[in-house]
Amino acid sequence: MTRLLITRTLGIVGTLLVLSVVIFAATELLPGDAVSRVAGPQADPVQRALVAERLGLDRPAIERYVDWVGSAFGGDLGTSLTGRRPVAEIVGDRLGNSLLLAAAVYLPLIPLAVLLGTAAGLGSVGGRRGRLIDRVISFGTLAVLGVPEFLIAGLLLAVFAVWLHLFPPVSMASIGGSVLDTPEILVLPALSLLIVSLGAVIRLVRARAADVATSPYVESARLAGVRGPALVLRHVMPAVLGPAVQLIAVGFGTVVGGAVVVETLFDYPGIGNELQNAVASRDVPVVQGIALTLGAVTLIAVLAGDLVGRALDGVRR
């Protein structure tokens, strides 16, 4: 396990280096001019040159990349062009709220995905009733997969906030307060991300459950007279749970990607909303810092899911 952890950690570092190149290149191609953003549109050439020198934008791109990635891996993500705050401070303020939102999504996501995915997987290799269950679940997941995040979030907003007035339409925390002070602002963003993520994860778990249901291990249990709930609980579910956790962790990227859209729509004070604002204002250091942080968090989540899944599989064996 220690060797695996070291290998995977080195893999994460290598992946982040590659990701940093992509992020830096993408921000170089962003429309707009950071110098004009800071100096103002009326600045003369001398003022623009001074601003470019102060921001380091008069240097070659490769030199700026090396400086940025070296500082980023040391914990210094630079300074915001608009707010003049350290990017690490901005990320720290918003990342906690996004992780809280992710936790609100994953707490129901894991049991729902395991239960529905296992039911569909077993149904796909079962009798007529089982195949009907599989078709219903599979149709539902396909229907959800075909709907974009903003439409799901918009429908929930229209029904539960505008029509029924059950939840606030905007997920803004009180000034100086925590999201937990007003937990109701979590409900609609979390429900939107849950619906967006659930379909894909159920299909992944379904495929694993179908493989387990036809494995020699389960067939031997059937021949030994184990049937019904006992077969599912004692033989199928333990074999599905470990890989399911790994698959769900891989799906963390879907939650992160959807969070940018959902947080923006609900004005939730998370890192995805901050990323959208930074892109709109051409605040390149903030865009780079948030994108690299999201990549690191996603890779760490996948590693954690892999380790937990292996541990669960080891306990079963």
C-alpha atoms as a PDB file:
ATOM      1  CA  MET A   1       0.000   0.000   0.000  1.00  0.00           C
ATOM      2  CA  THR A   2       2.879   2.386   0.814  1.00  0.00           C
ATOM      3  CA  ARG A   3       4.487   1.748  -2.558  1.00  0.00           C
ATOM      4  CA  LEU A   4       1.144   2.333  -4.278  1.00  0.00           C
ATOM      5  CA  LEU A   5       0.648   5.589  -2.374  1.00  0.00           C
ATOM      6  CA  ILE A   6       4.108   6.845  -3.355  1.00  0.00           C
ATOM      7  CA  THR A   7       3.593   5.863  -6.998  1.00  0.00           C
ATOM      8  CA  ARG A   8       0.178   7.489  -7.205  1.00  0.00           C
ATOM      9  CA  THR A   9       1.431  10.646  -5.465  1.00  0.00           C
ATOM     10  CA  LEU A  10       4.237  10.979  -7.994  1.00  0.00           C
ATOM     11  CA  GLY A  11       1.641  10.424 -10.709  1.00  0.00           C
ATOM     12  CA  ILE A  12      -0.453  13.268  -9.293  1.00  0.00           C
ATOM     13  CA  VAL A  13       2.561  15.600  -9.331  1.00  0.00           C
ATOM     14  CA  GLY A  14       3.313  14.670 -12.944  1.00  0.00           C
ATOM     15  CA  THR A  15      -0.309  15.141 -13.962  1.00  0.00           C
ATOM     16  CA  LEU A  16      -0.421  18.538 -12.272  1.00  0.00           C
ATOM     17  CA  LEU A  17       2.697  19.603 -14.171  1.00  0.00           C
ATOM     18  CA  VAL A  18       1.045  18.669 -17.463  1.00  0.00           C
ATOM     19  CA  LEU A  19      -2.168  20.363 -16.337  1.00  0.00           C
ATOM     20  CA  SER A  20      -0.242  23.511 -15.421  1.00  0.00           C
ATOM     21  CA  VAL A  21       1.087  23.738 -18.994  1.00  0.00           C
ATOM     22  CA  VAL A  22      -2.453  23.415 -20.369  1.00  0.00           C
ATOM     23  CA  ILE A  23      -3.811  26.012 -17.920  1.00  0.00           C
ATOM     24  CA  PHE A  24      -1.042  28.504 -18.652  1.00  0.00           C
ATOM     25  CA  ALA A  25      -1.419  28.073 -22.419  1.00  0.00           C
ATOM     26  CA  ALA A  26      -5.212  28.443 -22.176  1.00  0.00           C
ATOM     27  CA  THR A  27      -4.964  31.663 -20.164  1.00  0.00           C
ATOM     28  CA  GLU A  28      -2.478  33.033 -22.687  1.00  0.00           C
ATOM     29  CA  LEU A  29      -5.157  32.565 -25.337  1.00  0.00           C
ATOM     30  CA  LEU A  30      -7.917  34.255 -23.324  1.00  0.00           C
ATOM     31  CA  PRO A  31      -9.402  37.219 -25.204  1.00  0.00           C
ATOM     32  CA  GLY A  32      -8.664  40.571 -23.650  1.00  0.00           C
ATOM     33  CA  ASP A  33      -5.540  42.256 -22.351  1.00  0.00           C
ATOM     34  CA  ALA A  34      -4.456  42.106 -18.703  1.00  0.00           C
ATOM     35  CA  VAL A  35      -2.408  45.284 -19.134  1.00  0.00           C
ATOM     36  CA  SER A  36      -5.461  47.211 -20.360  1.00  0.00           C
ATOM     37  CA  ARG A  37      -7.481  45.728 -17.520  1.00  0.00           C
ATOM     38  CA  VAL A  38      -5.051  47.085 -14.902  1.00  0.00           C
ATOM     39  CA  ALA A  39      -3.870  50.295 -16.569  1.00  0.00           C
ATOM     40  CA  GLY A  40      -7.249  51.242 -17.997  1.00  0.00           C
ATOM     41  CA  PRO A  41      -8.309  51.768 -21.603  1.00  0.00           C
ATOM     42  CA  GLN A  42      -7.084  55.392 -21.644  1.00  0.00           C
ATOM     43  CA  ALA A  43      -3.502  54.579 -20.595  1.00  0.00           C
ATOM     44  CA  ASP A  44      -0.737  55.857 -22.868  1.00  0.00           C
ATOM     45  CA  PRO A  45       2.060  53.576 -24.156  1.00  0.00           C
ATOM     46  CA  VAL A  46       4.428  54.577 -21.344  1.00  0.00           C
ATOM     47  CA  GLN A  47       1.881  53.704 -18.652  1.00  0.00           C
ATOM     48  CA  ARG A  48       1.102  50.424 -20.397  1.00  0.00           C
ATOM     49  CA  ALA A  49       4.796  49.565 -20.535  1.00  0.00           C
ATOM     50  CA  LEU A  50       5.194  50.283 -16.818  1.00  0.00           C
ATOM     51  CA  VAL A  51       2.179  48.117 -15.944  1.00  0.00           C
ATOM     52  CA  ALA A  52       3.428  45.302 -18.182  1.00  0.00           C
ATOM     53  CA  GLU A  53       6.818  45.453 -16.460  1.00  0.00           C
ATOM     54  CA  ARG A  54       5.222  45.456 -12.996  1.00  0.00           C
ATOM     55  CA  LEU A  55       3.073  42.428 -13.869  1.00  0.00           C
ATOM     56  CA  GLY A  56       5.980  40.654 -15.530  1.00  0.00           C
ATOM     57  CA  LEU A  57       4.123  40.528 -18.837  1.00  0.00           C
ATOM     58  CA  ASP A  58       7.075  41.998 -20.726  1.00  0.00           C
ATOM     59  CA  ARG A  59       8.983  38.722 -20.297  1.00  0.00           C
ATOM     60  CA  PRO A  60       8.793  35.662 -22.595  1.00  0.00           C
ATOM     61  CA  ALA A  61       5.909  33.263 -21.912  1.00  0.00           C
ATOM     62  CA  ILE A  62       8.176  30.314 -21.058  1.00  0.00           C
ATOM     63  CA  GLU A  63       9.975  32.385 -18.426  1.00  0.00           C
ATOM     64  CA  ARG A  64       6.688  33.512 -16.906  1.00  0.00           C
ATOM     65  CA  TYR A  65       5.420  29.915 -16.868  1.00  0.00           C
ATOM     66  CA  VAL A  66       8.500  28.622 -15.040  1.00  0.00           C
ATOM     67  CA  ASP A  67       8.186  31.360 -12.416  1.00  0.00           C
ATOM     68  CA  TRP A  68       4.451  30.759 -12.005  1.00  0.00           C
ATOM     69  CA  VAL A  69       4.577  26.973 -11.703  1.00  0.00           C
ATOM     70  CA  GLY A  70       7.531  27.134  -9.313  1.00  0.00           C
ATOM     71  CA  SER A  71       5.697  29.578  -7.066  1.00  0.00           C
ATOM     72  CA  ALA A  72       2.409  27.649  -7.370  1.00  0.00           C
ATOM     73  CA  PHE A  73       3.952  24.380  -6.226  1.00  0.00           C
ATOM     74  CA  GLY A  74       5.424  26.336  -3.317  1.00  0.00           C
ATOM     75  CA  GLY A  75       1.976  27.583  -2.304  1.00  0.00           C
ATOM     76  CA  ASP A  76       2.170  31.072  -3.840  1.00  0.00           C
ATOM     77  CA  LEU A  77      -0.533  31.376  -6.518  1.00  0.00           C
ATOM     78  CA  GLY A  78       0.137  35.038  -7.233  1.00  0.00           C
ATOM     79  CA  THR A  79      -1.996  38.135  -6.699  1.00  0.00           C
ATOM     80  CA  SER A  80      -5.377  39.022  -8.157  1.00  0.00           C
ATOM     81  CA  LEU A  81      -5.268  41.719 -10.820  1.00  0.00           C
ATOM     82  CA  THR A  82      -8.627  43.168  -9.799  1.00  0.00           C
ATOM     83  CA  GLY A  83      -8.775  42.832  -6.022  1.00  0.00           C
ATOM     84  CA  ARG A  84      -5.018  42.858  -5.346  1.00  0.00           C
ATOM     85  CA  ARG A  85      -5.552  39.994  -2.888  1.00  0.00           C
ATOM     86  CA  PRO A  86      -3.356  36.888  -2.781  1.00  0.00           C
ATOM     87  CA  VAL A  87      -4.937  34.213  -4.976  1.00  0.00           C
ATOM     88  CA  ALA A  88      -4.260  31.584  -2.303  1.00  0.00           C
ATOM     89  CA  GLU A  89      -6.398  33.626   0.091  1.00  0.00           C
ATOM     90  CA  ILE A  90      -9.240  33.833  -2.447  1.00  0.00           C
ATOM     91  CA  VAL A  91      -9.041  30.087  -3.078  1.00  0.00           C
ATOM     92  CA  GLY A  92      -9.019  29.381   0.653  1.00  0.00           C
ATOM     93  CA  ASP A  93     -12.123  31.509   1.214  1.00  0.00           C
ATOM     94  CA  ARG A  94     -14.134  29.779  -1.515  1.00  0.00           C
ATOM     95  CA  LEU A  95     -12.791  26.213  -1.571  1.00  0.00           C
ATOM     96  CA  GLY A  96     -14.301  25.335   1.807  1.00  0.00           C
ATOM     97  CA  ASN A  97     -17.781  26.270   0.581  1.00  0.00           C
ATOM     98  CA  SER A  98     -17.356  24.164  -2.560  1.00  0.00           C
ATOM     99  CA  LEU A  99     -16.136  21.170  -0.543  1.00  0.00           C
ATOM    100  CA  LEU A 100     -19.156  21.584   1.724  1.00  0.00           C
ATOM    101  CA  LEU A 101     -21.389  21.537  -1.367  1.00  0.00           C
ATOM    102  CA  ALA A 102     -19.579  18.437  -2.651  1.00  0.00           C
ATOM    103  CA  ALA A 103     -20.143  16.712   0.700  1.00  0.00           C
ATOM    104  CA  ALA A 104     -23.858  17.547   0.515  1.00  0.00           C
ATOM    105  CA  VAL A 105     -23.897  15.915  -2.931  1.00  0.00           C
ATOM    106  CA  TYR A 106     -21.885  12.810  -2.083  1.00  0.00           C
ATOM    107  CA  LEU A 107     -23.679  11.881   1.140  1.00  0.00           C
ATOM    108  CA  PRO A 108     -26.835  10.842  -0.769  1.00  0.00           C
ATOM    109  CA  LEU A 109     -24.990  10.079  -4.040  1.00  0.00           C
ATOM    110  CA  ILE A 110     -22.986   7.111  -2.754  1.00  0.00           C
ATOM    111  CA  PRO A 111     -25.868   5.056  -1.270  1.00  0.00           C
ATOM    112  CA  LEU A 112     -28.245   5.934  -4.125  1.00  0.00           C
ATOM    113  CA  ALA A 113     -25.707   5.052  -6.815  1.00  0.00           C
ATOM    114  CA  VAL A 114     -24.743   1.778  -5.142  1.00  0.00           C
ATOM    115  CA  LEU A 115     -28.344   0.688  -4.519  1.00  0.00           C
ATOM    116  CA  LEU A 116     -29.806   1.713  -7.892  1.00  0.00           C
ATOM    117  CA  GLY A 117     -26.739   0.652  -9.856  1.00  0.00           C
ATOM    118  CA  THR A 118     -26.672  -2.749  -8.174  1.00  0.00           C
ATOM    119  CA  ALA A 119     -30.418  -3.227  -8.715  1.00  0.00           C
ATOM    120  CA  ALA A 120     -30.044  -2.385 -12.412  1.00  0.00           C
ATOM    121  CA  GLY A 121     -26.978  -4.587 -12.811  1.00  0.00           C
ATOM    122  CA  LEU A 122     -28.627  -7.588 -11.172  1.00  0.00           C
ATOM    123  CA  GLY A 123     -31.807  -6.957 -13.143  1.00  0.00           C
ATOM    124  CA  SER A 124     -29.927  -6.939 -16.444  1.00  0.00           C
ATOM    125  CA  VAL A 125     -28.916 -10.589 -15.947  1.00  0.00           C
ATOM    126  CA  GLY A 126     -32.096 -11.680 -14.126  1.00  0.00           C
ATOM    127  CA  GLY A 127     -35.605 -12.649 -15.094  1.00  0.00           C
ATOM    128  CA  ARG A 128     -38.389 -10.609 -16.667  1.00  0.00           C
ATOM    129  CA  ARG A 129     -39.073  -8.554 -13.546  1.00  0.00           C
ATOM    130  CA  GLY A 130     -35.386  -7.827 -13.099  1.00  0.00           C
ATOM    131  CA  ARG A 131     -35.002  -6.702 -16.696  1.00  0.00           C
ATOM    132  CA  LEU A 132     -37.970  -4.361 -16.234  1.00  0.00           C
ATOM    133  CA  ILE A 133     -36.256  -2.782 -13.215  1.00  0.00           C
ATOM    134  CA  ASP A 134     -33.073  -2.437 -15.254  1.00  0.00           C
ATOM    135  CA  ARG A 135     -34.931  -0.771 -18.131  1.00  0.00           C
ATOM    136  CA  VAL A 136     -36.661   1.725 -15.835  1.00  0.00           C
ATOM    137  CA  ILE A 137     -33.429   2.706 -14.076  1.00  0.00           C
ATOM    138  CA  SER A 138     -31.429   2.780 -17.315  1.00  0.00           C
ATOM    139  CA  PHE A 139     -34.045   4.932 -19.053  1.00  0.00           C
ATOM    140  CA  GLY A 140     -34.058   7.340 -16.116  1.00  0.00           C
ATOM    141  CA  THR A 141     -30.269   7.666 -16.123  1.00  0.00           C
ATOM    142  CA  LEU A 142     -30.175   8.207 -19.887  1.00  0.00           C
ATOM    143  CA  ALA A 143     -32.859  10.879 -19.611  1.00  0.00           C
ATOM    144  CA  VAL A 144     -30.857  12.714 -16.941  1.00  0.00           C
ATOM    145  CA  LEU A 145     -27.594  12.397 -18.880  1.00  0.00           C
ATOM    146  CA  GLY A 146     -29.190  14.146 -21.844  1.00  0.00           C
ATOM    147  CA  VAL A 147     -30.148  17.255 -19.863  1.00  0.00           C
ATOM    148  CA  PRO A 148     -27.507  19.991 -19.328  1.00  0.00           C
ATOM    149  CA  GLU A 149     -26.679  21.252 -15.841  1.00  0.00           C
ATOM    150  CA  PHE A 150     -28.099  24.725 -16.351  1.00  0.00           C
ATOM    151  CA  LEU A 151     -31.487  23.350 -17.435  1.00  0.00           C
ATOM    152  CA  ILE A 152     -31.791  21.043 -14.415  1.00  0.00           C
ATOM    153  CA  ALA A 153     -30.770  23.864 -12.092  1.00  0.00           C
ATOM    154  CA  GLY A 154     -33.182  26.247 -13.817  1.00  0.00           C
ATOM    155  CA  LEU A 155     -36.102  23.836 -13.454  1.00  0.00           C
ATOM    156  CA  LEU A 156     -35.379  23.293  -9.753  1.00  0.00           C
ATOM    157  CA  LEU A 157     -35.082  27.038  -9.286  1.00  0.00           C
ATOM    158  CA  ALA A 158     -38.405  27.681 -11.015  1.00  0.00           C
ATOM    159  CA  VAL A 159     -40.295  24.985  -9.091  1.00  0.00           C
ATOM    160  CA  PHE A 160     -38.864  25.133  -5.562  1.00  0.00           C
ATOM    161  CA  ALA A 161     -37.845  28.797  -5.318  1.00  0.00           C
ATOM    162  CA  VAL A 162     -40.144  30.775  -7.622  1.00  0.00           C
ATOM    163  CA  TRP A 163     -43.309  28.665  -7.562  1.00  0.00           C
ATOM    164  CA  LEU A 164     -43.340  26.883  -4.182  1.00  0.00           C
ATOM    165  CA  HIS A 165     -41.132  29.395  -2.305  1.00  0.00           C
ATOM    166  CA  LEU A 166     -39.515  26.565  -0.336  1.00  0.00           C
ATOM    167  CA  PHE A 167     -35.906  27.641  -0.800  1.00  0.00           C
ATOM    168  CA  PRO A 168     -34.145  30.927  -1.579  1.00  0.00           C
ATOM    169  CA  PRO A 169     -33.492  31.546  -5.291  1.00  0.00           C
ATOM    170  CA  VAL A 170     -29.996  32.861  -4.577  1.00  0.00           C
ATOM    171  CA  SER A 171     -27.537  30.935  -2.391  1.00  0.00           C
ATOM    172  CA  MET A 172     -25.805  33.889  -0.776  1.00  0.00           C
ATOM    173  CA  ALA A 173     -24.360  33.521   2.712  1.00  0.00           C
ATOM    174  CA  SER A 174     -24.652  36.354   5.203  1.00  0.00           C
ATOM    175  CA  ILE A 175     -21.781  38.850   5.195  1.00  0.00           C
ATOM    176  CA  GLY A 176     -19.019  37.491   7.397  1.00  0.00           C
ATOM    177  CA  GLY A 177     -21.050  34.360   8.066  1.00  0.00           C
ATOM    178  CA  SER A 178     -20.738  30.731   7.070  1.00  0.00           C
ATOM    179  CA  VAL A 179     -22.825  28.727   4.621  1.00  0.00           C
ATOM    180  CA  LEU A 180     -23.749  26.525   7.583  1.00  0.00           C
ATOM    181  CA  ASP A 181     -25.452  29.510   9.213  1.00  0.00           C
ATOM    182  CA  THR A 182     -28.088  29.282   6.459  1.00  0.00           C
ATOM    183  CA  PRO A 183     -27.984  25.619   5.369  1.00  0.00           C
ATOM    184  CA  GLU A 184     -31.099  26.002   3.215  1.00  0.00           C
ATOM    185  CA  ILE A 185     -28.985  27.761   0.565  1.00  0.00           C
ATOM    186  CA  LEU A 186     -27.199  24.441   0.002  1.00  0.00           C
ATOM    187  CA  VAL A 187     -30.312  22.495  -0.958  1.00  0.00           C
ATOM    188  CA  LEU A 188     -30.978  23.560  -4.558  1.00  0.00           C
ATOM    189  CA  PRO A 189     -27.313  23.650  -5.704  1.00  0.00           C
ATOM    190  CA  ALA A 190     -26.680  20.255  -4.073  1.00  0.00           C
ATOM    191  CA  LEU A 191     -29.837  18.747  -5.566  1.00  0.00           C
ATOM    192  CA  SER A 192     -28.885  20.059  -9.017  1.00  0.00           C
ATOM    193  CA  LEU A 193     -25.415  18.515  -8.831  1.00  0.00           C
ATOM    194  CA  LEU A 194     -26.825  15.283  -7.411  1.00  0.00           C
ATOM    195  CA  ILE A 195     -29.180  14.857 -10.366  1.00  0.00           C
ATOM    196  CA  VAL A 196     -26.436  15.781 -12.849  1.00  0.00           C
ATOM    197  CA  SER A 197     -23.946  13.303 -11.357  1.00  0.00           C
ATOM    198  CA  LEU A 198     -26.238  10.437 -10.408  1.00  0.00           C
ATOM    199  CA  GLY A 199     -27.035   9.171 -13.906  1.00  0.00           C
ATOM    200  CA  ALA A 200     -23.423   8.643 -14.974  1.00  0.00           C
ATOM    201  CA  VAL A 201     -22.389   7.057 -11.671  1.00  0.00           C
ATOM    202  CA  ILE A 202     -25.369   4.660 -11.631  1.00  0.00           C
ATOM    203  CA  ARG A 203     -24.411   3.409 -15.090  1.00  0.00           C
ATOM    204  CA  LEU A 204     -20.831   2.789 -13.971  1.00  0.00           C
ATOM    205  CA  VAL A 205     -21.985   0.864 -10.896  1.00  0.00           C
ATOM    206  CA  ARG A 206     -24.548  -1.048 -12.995  1.00  0.00           C
ATOM    207  CA  ALA A 207     -21.821  -2.344 -15.311  1.00  0.00           C
ATOM    208  CA  ARG A 208     -19.755  -3.518 -12.331  1.00  0.00           C
ATOM    209  CA  ALA A 209     -22.760  -5.159 -10.648  1.00  0.00           C
ATOM    210  CA  ALA A 210     -23.649  -7.034 -13.851  1.00  0.00           C
ATOM    211  CA  ASP A 211     -20.090  -8.400 -14.035  1.00  0.00           C
ATOM    212  CA  VAL A 212     -20.190  -9.478 -10.390  1.00  0.00           C
ATOM    213  CA  ALA A 213     -23.605 -11.136 -10.786  1.00  0.00           C
ATOM    214  CA  THR A 214     -22.238 -13.453 -13.494  1.00  0.00           C
ATOM    215  CA  SER A 215     -18.872 -14.099 -11.826  1.00  0.00           C
ATOM    216  CA  PRO A 216     -17.846 -17.623 -10.712  1.00  0.00           C
ATOM    217  CA  TYR A 217     -17.787 -16.353  -7.126  1.00  0.00           C
ATOM    218  CA  VAL A 218     -21.508 -15.506  -7.151  1.00  0.00           C
ATOM    219  CA  GLU A 219     -22.405 -18.548  -9.270  1.00  0.00           C
ATOM    220  CA  SER A 220     -20.769 -20.770  -6.651  1.00  0.00           C
ATOM    221  CA  ALA A 221     -22.869 -19.110  -3.952  1.00  0.00           C
ATOM    222  CA  ARG A 222     -26.013 -19.783  -5.998  1.00  0.00           C
ATOM    223  CA  LEU A 223     -25.066 -23.442  -6.404  1.00  0.00           C
ATOM    224  CA  ALA A 224     -24.583 -23.612  -2.638  1.00  0.00           C
ATOM    225  CA  GLY A 225     -28.227 -22.609  -2.197  1.00  0.00           C
ATOM    226  CA  VAL A 226     -27.798 -18.917  -1.389  1.00  0.00           C
ATOM    227  CA  ARG A 227     -30.691 -16.938  -2.884  1.00  0.00           C
ATOM    228  CA  GLY A 228     -32.504 -13.595  -2.716  1.00  0.00           C
ATOM    229  CA  PRO A 229     -31.444 -10.889  -0.258  1.00  0.00           C
ATOM    230  CA  ALA A 230     -28.813 -13.136   1.326  1.00  0.00           C
ATOM    231  CA  LEU A 231     -27.042 -13.516  -2.015  1.00  0.00           C
ATOM    232  CA  VAL A 232     -27.147  -9.779  -2.660  1.00  0.00           C
ATOM    233  CA  LEU A 233     -26.084  -8.654   0.811  1.00  0.00           C
ATOM    234  CA  ARG A 234     -23.444 -11.299   1.512  1.00  0.00           C
ATOM    235  CA  HIS A 235     -21.914 -11.827  -1.919  1.00  0.00           C
ATOM    236  CA  VAL A 236     -22.883  -9.204  -4.506  1.00  0.00           C
ATOM    237  CA  MET A 237     -22.858  -5.961  -2.509  1.00  0.00           C
ATOM    238  CA  PRO A 238     -19.451  -6.527  -0.843  1.00  0.00           C
ATOM    239  CA  ALA A 239     -17.946  -7.260  -4.260  1.00  0.00           C
ATOM    240  CA  VAL A 240     -19.547  -4.163  -5.768  1.00  0.00           C
ATOM    241  CA  LEU A 241     -18.896  -1.676  -2.956  1.00  0.00           C
ATOM    242  CA  GLY A 242     -15.112  -1.301  -3.300  1.00  0.00           C
ATOM    243  CA  PRO A 243     -15.068  -0.766  -7.082  1.00  0.00           C
ATOM    244  CA  ALA A 244     -18.190   1.406  -6.766  1.00  0.00           C
ATOM    245  CA  VAL A 245     -16.380   3.783  -4.411  1.00  0.00           C
ATOM    246  CA  GLN A 246     -13.506   3.977  -6.894  1.00  0.00           C
ATOM    247  CA  LEU A 247     -15.893   4.694  -9.765  1.00  0.00           C
ATOM    248  CA  ILE A 248     -17.759   7.321  -7.748  1.00  0.00           C
ATOM    249  CA  ALA A 249     -14.454   9.027  -6.910  1.00  0.00           C
ATOM    250  CA  VAL A 250     -13.594   9.138 -10.611  1.00  0.00           C
ATOM    251  CA  GLY A 251     -16.942  10.870 -11.117  1.00  0.00           C
ATOM    252  CA  PHE A 252     -15.785  13.678  -8.802  1.00  0.00           C
ATOM    253  CA  GLY A 253     -14.661  15.516 -11.915  1.00  0.00           C
ATOM    254  CA  THR A 254     -18.280  15.614 -13.073  1.00  0.00           C
ATOM    255  CA  VAL A 255     -19.285  17.280  -9.805  1.00  0.00           C
ATOM    256  CA  VAL A 256     -16.452  19.802 -10.131  1.00  0.00           C
ATOM    257  CA  GLY A 257     -17.356  20.626 -13.724  1.00  0.00           C
ATOM    258  CA  GLY A 258     -21.044  20.943 -12.937  1.00  0.00           C
ATOM    259  CA  ALA A 259     -20.297  23.074  -9.891  1.00  0.00           C
ATOM    260  CA  VAL A 260     -18.984  25.920 -12.058  1.00  0.00           C
ATOM    261  CA  VAL A 261     -22.351  26.177 -13.839  1.00  0.00           C
ATOM    262  CA  VAL A 262     -24.530  25.506 -10.801  1.00  0.00           C
ATOM    263  CA  GLU A 263     -22.661  27.807  -8.423  1.00  0.00           C
ATOM    264  CA  THR A 264     -22.842  30.610 -10.968  1.00  0.00           C
ATOM    265  CA  LEU A 265     -26.564  30.140 -11.572  1.00  0.00           C
ATOM    266  CA  PHE A 266     -27.411  30.132  -7.854  1.00  0.00           C
ATOM    267  CA  ASP A 267     -24.697  32.697  -7.001  1.00  0.00           C
ATOM    268  CA  TYR A 268     -23.336  30.204  -4.476  1.00  0.00           C
ATOM    269  CA  PRO A 269     -20.134  31.509  -2.816  1.00  0.00           C
ATOM    270  CA  GLY A 270     -17.948  28.666  -4.049  1.00  0.00           C
ATOM    271  CA  ILE A 271     -14.773  28.326  -6.059  1.00  0.00           C
ATOM    272  CA  GLY A 272     -16.644  27.569  -9.293  1.00  0.00           C
ATOM    273  CA  ASN A 273     -18.511  30.870  -9.094  1.00  0.00           C
ATOM    274  CA  GLU A 274     -15.249  32.666  -8.366  1.00  0.00           C
ATOM    275  CA  LEU A 275     -13.668  31.011 -11.415  1.00  0.00           C
ATOM    276  CA  GLN A 276     -16.467  32.248 -13.660  1.00  0.00           C
ATOM    277  CA  ASN A 277     -16.103  35.780 -12.270  1.00  0.00           C
ATOM    278  CA  ALA A 278     -12.336  35.677 -12.802  1.00  0.00           C
ATOM    279  CA  VAL A 279     -12.737  34.560 -16.419  1.00  0.00           C
ATOM    280  CA  ALA A 280     -15.280  37.327 -17.038  1.00  0.00           C
ATOM    281  CA  SER A 281     -12.932  39.963 -15.593  1.00  0.00           C
ATOM    282  CA  ARG A 282      -9.818  38.462 -17.286  1.00  0.00           C
ATOM    283  CA  ASP A 283      -8.157  38.049 -13.878  1.00  0.00           C
ATOM    284  CA  VAL A 284      -5.536  35.592 -15.155  1.00  0.00           C
ATOM    285  CA  PRO A 285      -3.753  34.786 -11.844  1.00  0.00           C
ATOM    286  CA  VAL A 286      -7.080  33.861 -10.218  1.00  0.00           C
ATOM    287  CA  VAL A 287      -8.116  31.729 -13.205  1.00  0.00           C
ATOM    288  CA  GLN A 288      -4.783  29.903 -13.153  1.00  0.00           C
ATOM    289  CA  GLY A 289      -4.784  29.393  -9.386  1.00  0.00           C
ATOM    290  CA  ILE A 290      -8.362  28.111  -9.209  1.00  0.00           C
ATOM    291  CA  ALA A 291      -7.969  25.812 -12.222  1.00  0.00           C
ATOM    292  CA  LEU A 292      -4.799  24.269 -10.774  1.00  0.00           C
ATOM    293  CA  THR A 293      -6.444  23.890  -7.357  1.00  0.00           C
ATOM    294  CA  LEU A 294      -9.505  22.175  -8.843  1.00  0.00           C
ATOM    295  CA  GLY A 295      -7.227  19.800 -10.729  1.00  0.00           C
ATOM    296  CA  ALA A 296      -5.320  18.959  -7.546  1.00  0.00           C
ATOM    297  CA  VAL A 297      -8.502  18.436  -5.506  1.00  0.00           C
ATOM    298  CA  THR A 298      -9.963  16.160  -8.196  1.00  0.00           C
ATOM    299  CA  LEU A 299      -6.795  14.045  -8.409  1.00  0.00           C
ATOM    300  CA  ILE A 300      -6.604  13.747  -4.617  1.00  0.00           C
ATOM    301  CA  ALA A 301     -10.274  12.704  -4.480  1.00  0.00           C
ATOM    302  CA  VAL A 302      -9.646  10.013  -7.103  1.00  0.00           C
ATOM    303  CA  LEU A 303      -6.626   8.766  -5.139  1.00  0.00           C
ATOM    304  CA  ALA A 304      -8.612   8.706  -1.884  1.00  0.00           C
ATOM    305  CA  GLY A 305     -11.447   6.805  -3.572  1.00  0.00           C
ATOM    306  CA  ASP A 306      -8.986   4.313  -5.026  1.00  0.00           C
ATOM    307  CA  LEU A 307      -7.380   3.667  -1.636  1.00  0.00           C
ATOM    308  CA  VAL A 308     -10.746   3.325   0.130  1.00  0.00           C
ATOM    309  CA  GLY A 309     -12.008   1.013  -2.611  1.00  0.00           C
ATOM    310  CA  ARG A 310      -8.917  -1.177  -2.357  1.00  0.00           C
ATOM    311  CA  ALA A 311      -9.275  -1.283   1.421  1.00  0.00           C
ATOM    312  CA  LEU A 312     -12.931  -2.349   1.176  1.00  0.00           C
ATOM    313  CA  ASP A 313     -12.062  -4.964  -1.425  1.00  0.00           C
ATOM    314  CA  GLY A 314      -9.254  -6.225   0.797  1.00  0.00           C
ATOM    315  CA  VAL A 315     -11.622  -6.586   3.766  1.00  0.00           C
ATOM    316  CA  ARG A 316     -14.047  -8.562   1.578  1.00  0.00           C
ATOM    317  CA  ARG A 317     -11.321 -10.917   0.438  1.00  0.00           C
END
